[in-house]
Amino acid sequence: MNRQSERIERLITDQDGECCAADIDARIETLERHADLPTDTARDQAALKALSTDTRYTIVRLLADAGRELCVCEITPVVDVSDSAVSHALSDLYDAGLVTRRKDGTWRYYEATNRATALLDALDRTRGGSR
């Protein structure tokens, strides 16, 4: 029995008063059914990573709260970083599927995607307080 199985055996014994190999197998089988993860989690991980910096989080929050497209020139004054940092952050957010972008002549516009809005809503609901 490997170390992990020994730990599960101790847990089951503590919980139920006794344990056998079939109990361990049944517990692991049940847990594996619950761990039915999507096969491609790269986009999920990229989206979560994209929200992990102050600049990118602030930009997504701004776009989501605005509820409309914003020009880069409207975004830059709100975040306290350089123009190039804003551009880089927007590029990362676009790559992660959290913003859309549209070019109109010399202007570039960004808008939060439904996915970004849903992630922010989930964070708001589970925060346990106000923003």
Protein backbone atom coordinates (compact mmCIF):
# COMPACT_ATOMS: atom_id res chain seq x y z
CA MET A 1 0.00 0.00 0.00
CA ASN A 2 1.46 3.37 -0.97
CA ARG A 3 1.67 6.35 1.35
CA GLN A 4 -1.41 8.04 -0.17
CA SER A 5 -3.51 4.91 0.35
CA GLU A 6 -2.29 4.70 3.94
CA ARG A 7 -3.44 8.26 4.57
CA ILE A 8 -6.87 7.56 3.06
CA GLU A 9 -7.10 4.40 5.17
CA ARG A 10 -6.36 6.42 8.32
CA LEU A 11 -8.97 9.02 7.33
CA ILE A 12 -11.69 6.43 6.67
CA THR A 13 -10.82 4.62 9.90
CA ASP A 14 -11.05 7.88 11.85
CA GLN A 15 -14.41 8.68 10.23
CA ASP A 16 -16.03 5.24 10.22
CA GLY A 17 -14.14 3.31 12.89
CA GLU A 18 -12.90 0.69 10.43
CA CYS A 19 -11.52 0.41 6.91
CA CYS A 20 -10.64 -2.24 4.35
CA ALA A 21 -9.15 -2.19 0.85
CA ALA A 22 -12.63 -2.11 -0.71
CA ASP A 23 -13.45 1.04 1.30
CA ILE A 24 -10.33 2.74 -0.01
CA ASP A 25 -11.06 1.70 -3.60
CA ALA A 26 -14.68 2.88 -3.31
CA ARG A 27 -13.62 6.25 -1.88
CA ILE A 28 -11.05 6.82 -4.63
CA GLU A 29 -13.51 5.74 -7.34
CA THR A 30 -16.13 8.18 -6.00
CA LEU A 31 -13.62 11.02 -5.90
CA GLU A 32 -12.43 10.31 -9.43
CA ARG A 33 -16.02 10.63 -10.69
CA HIS A 34 -16.23 14.06 -9.03
CA ALA A 35 -12.96 15.11 -10.62
CA ASP A 36 -14.39 14.95 -14.14
CA LEU A 37 -12.51 17.99 -15.43
CA PRO A 38 -12.85 19.50 -18.87
CA THR A 39 -10.23 18.14 -21.21
CA ASP A 40 -8.99 21.56 -22.33
CA THR A 41 -8.46 23.87 -19.37
CA ALA A 42 -5.81 26.06 -21.01
CA ARG A 43 -8.30 28.85 -21.84
CA ASP A 44 -9.71 28.77 -18.31
CA GLN A 45 -6.23 29.00 -16.83
CA ALA A 46 -5.27 31.80 -19.23
CA ALA A 47 -8.37 33.78 -18.25
CA LEU A 48 -7.66 33.42 -14.54
CA LYS A 49 -4.00 34.29 -15.05
CA ALA A 50 -4.97 37.35 -17.08
CA LEU A 51 -6.96 38.68 -14.12
CA SER A 52 -4.06 38.18 -11.72
CA THR A 53 -2.42 41.60 -12.08
CA ASP A 54 -3.75 44.92 -10.83
CA THR A 55 -3.53 46.53 -14.26
CA ARG A 56 -5.37 43.79 -16.17
CA TYR A 57 -7.97 43.37 -13.42
CA THR A 58 -8.62 47.13 -13.34
CA ILE A 59 -8.98 47.27 -17.11
CA VAL A 60 -11.45 44.37 -17.23
CA ARG A 61 -13.42 45.83 -14.33
CA LEU A 62 -13.52 49.22 -16.07
CA LEU A 63 -14.69 47.71 -19.34
CA ALA A 64 -17.30 45.51 -17.67
CA ASP A 65 -18.67 48.35 -15.56
CA ALA A 66 -18.75 50.70 -18.56
CA GLY A 67 -20.96 48.23 -20.39
CA ARG A 68 -19.75 49.52 -23.75
CA GLU A 69 -16.66 49.76 -25.89
CA LEU A 70 -13.96 52.08 -24.63
CA CYS A 71 -11.16 53.59 -26.62
CA VAL A 72 -7.64 53.00 -25.38
CA CYS A 73 -7.41 56.74 -24.78
CA GLU A 74 -10.27 56.38 -22.26
CA ILE A 75 -8.67 53.41 -20.49
CA THR A 76 -5.13 54.76 -20.10
CA PRO A 77 -5.94 57.66 -17.72
CA VAL A 78 -7.75 55.29 -15.33
CA VAL A 79 -4.82 52.93 -14.77
CA ASP A 80 -1.61 54.27 -13.33
CA VAL A 81 0.83 52.68 -15.78
CA SER A 82 2.51 53.61 -19.06
CA ASP A 83 0.78 53.54 -22.42
CA SER A 84 2.85 50.51 -23.43
CA ALA A 85 1.85 48.67 -20.24
CA VAL A 86 -1.83 49.33 -21.03
CA SER A 87 -1.33 48.07 -24.59
CA HIS A 88 0.42 44.95 -23.34
CA ALA A 89 -2.30 44.31 -20.74
CA LEU A 90 -5.04 44.71 -23.36
CA SER A 91 -3.24 42.30 -25.65
CA ASP A 92 -3.02 39.72 -22.84
CA LEU A 93 -6.70 40.19 -22.03
CA TYR A 94 -7.62 39.79 -25.69
CA ASP A 95 -5.53 36.61 -25.99
CA ALA A 96 -7.27 35.25 -22.88
CA GLY A 97 -10.70 35.89 -24.39
CA LEU A 98 -11.69 38.50 -21.80
CA VAL A 99 -11.97 41.48 -24.14
CA THR A 100 -12.87 42.09 -27.76
CA ARG A 101 -11.13 44.69 -29.85
CA ARG A 102 -12.06 46.72 -32.86
CA LYS A 103 -10.07 49.19 -34.88
CA ASP A 104 -11.77 52.22 -36.37
CA GLY A 105 -9.30 54.34 -38.30
CA THR A 106 -6.60 55.35 -35.84
CA TRP A 107 -8.73 54.44 -32.80
CA ARG A 108 -8.80 51.06 -31.11
CA TYR A 109 -11.79 50.08 -28.99
CA TYR A 110 -12.10 47.33 -26.38
CA GLU A 111 -15.07 45.76 -24.65
CA ALA A 112 -15.40 43.11 -21.93
CA THR A 113 -16.62 39.74 -23.16
CA ASN A 114 -19.48 37.83 -21.57
CA ARG A 115 -16.88 35.53 -20.05
CA ALA A 116 -15.09 38.42 -18.37
CA THR A 117 -18.36 39.77 -17.02
CA ALA A 118 -19.36 36.33 -15.72
CA LEU A 119 -16.01 35.90 -13.96
CA LEU A 120 -16.27 39.32 -12.33
CA ASP A 121 -19.87 38.61 -11.31
CA ALA A 122 -18.79 35.32 -9.73
CA LEU A 123 -16.02 37.09 -7.83
CA ASP A 124 -18.46 39.76 -6.64
CA ARG A 125 -21.02 37.19 -5.47
CA THR A 126 -18.45 35.16 -3.55
CA ARG A 127 -16.40 37.99 -2.08
CA GLY A 128 -18.61 38.29 0.98
CA GLY A 129 -18.77 42.07 0.99
CA SER A 130 -18.78 45.11 -1.20
CA ARG A 131 -16.13 45.86 -3.79
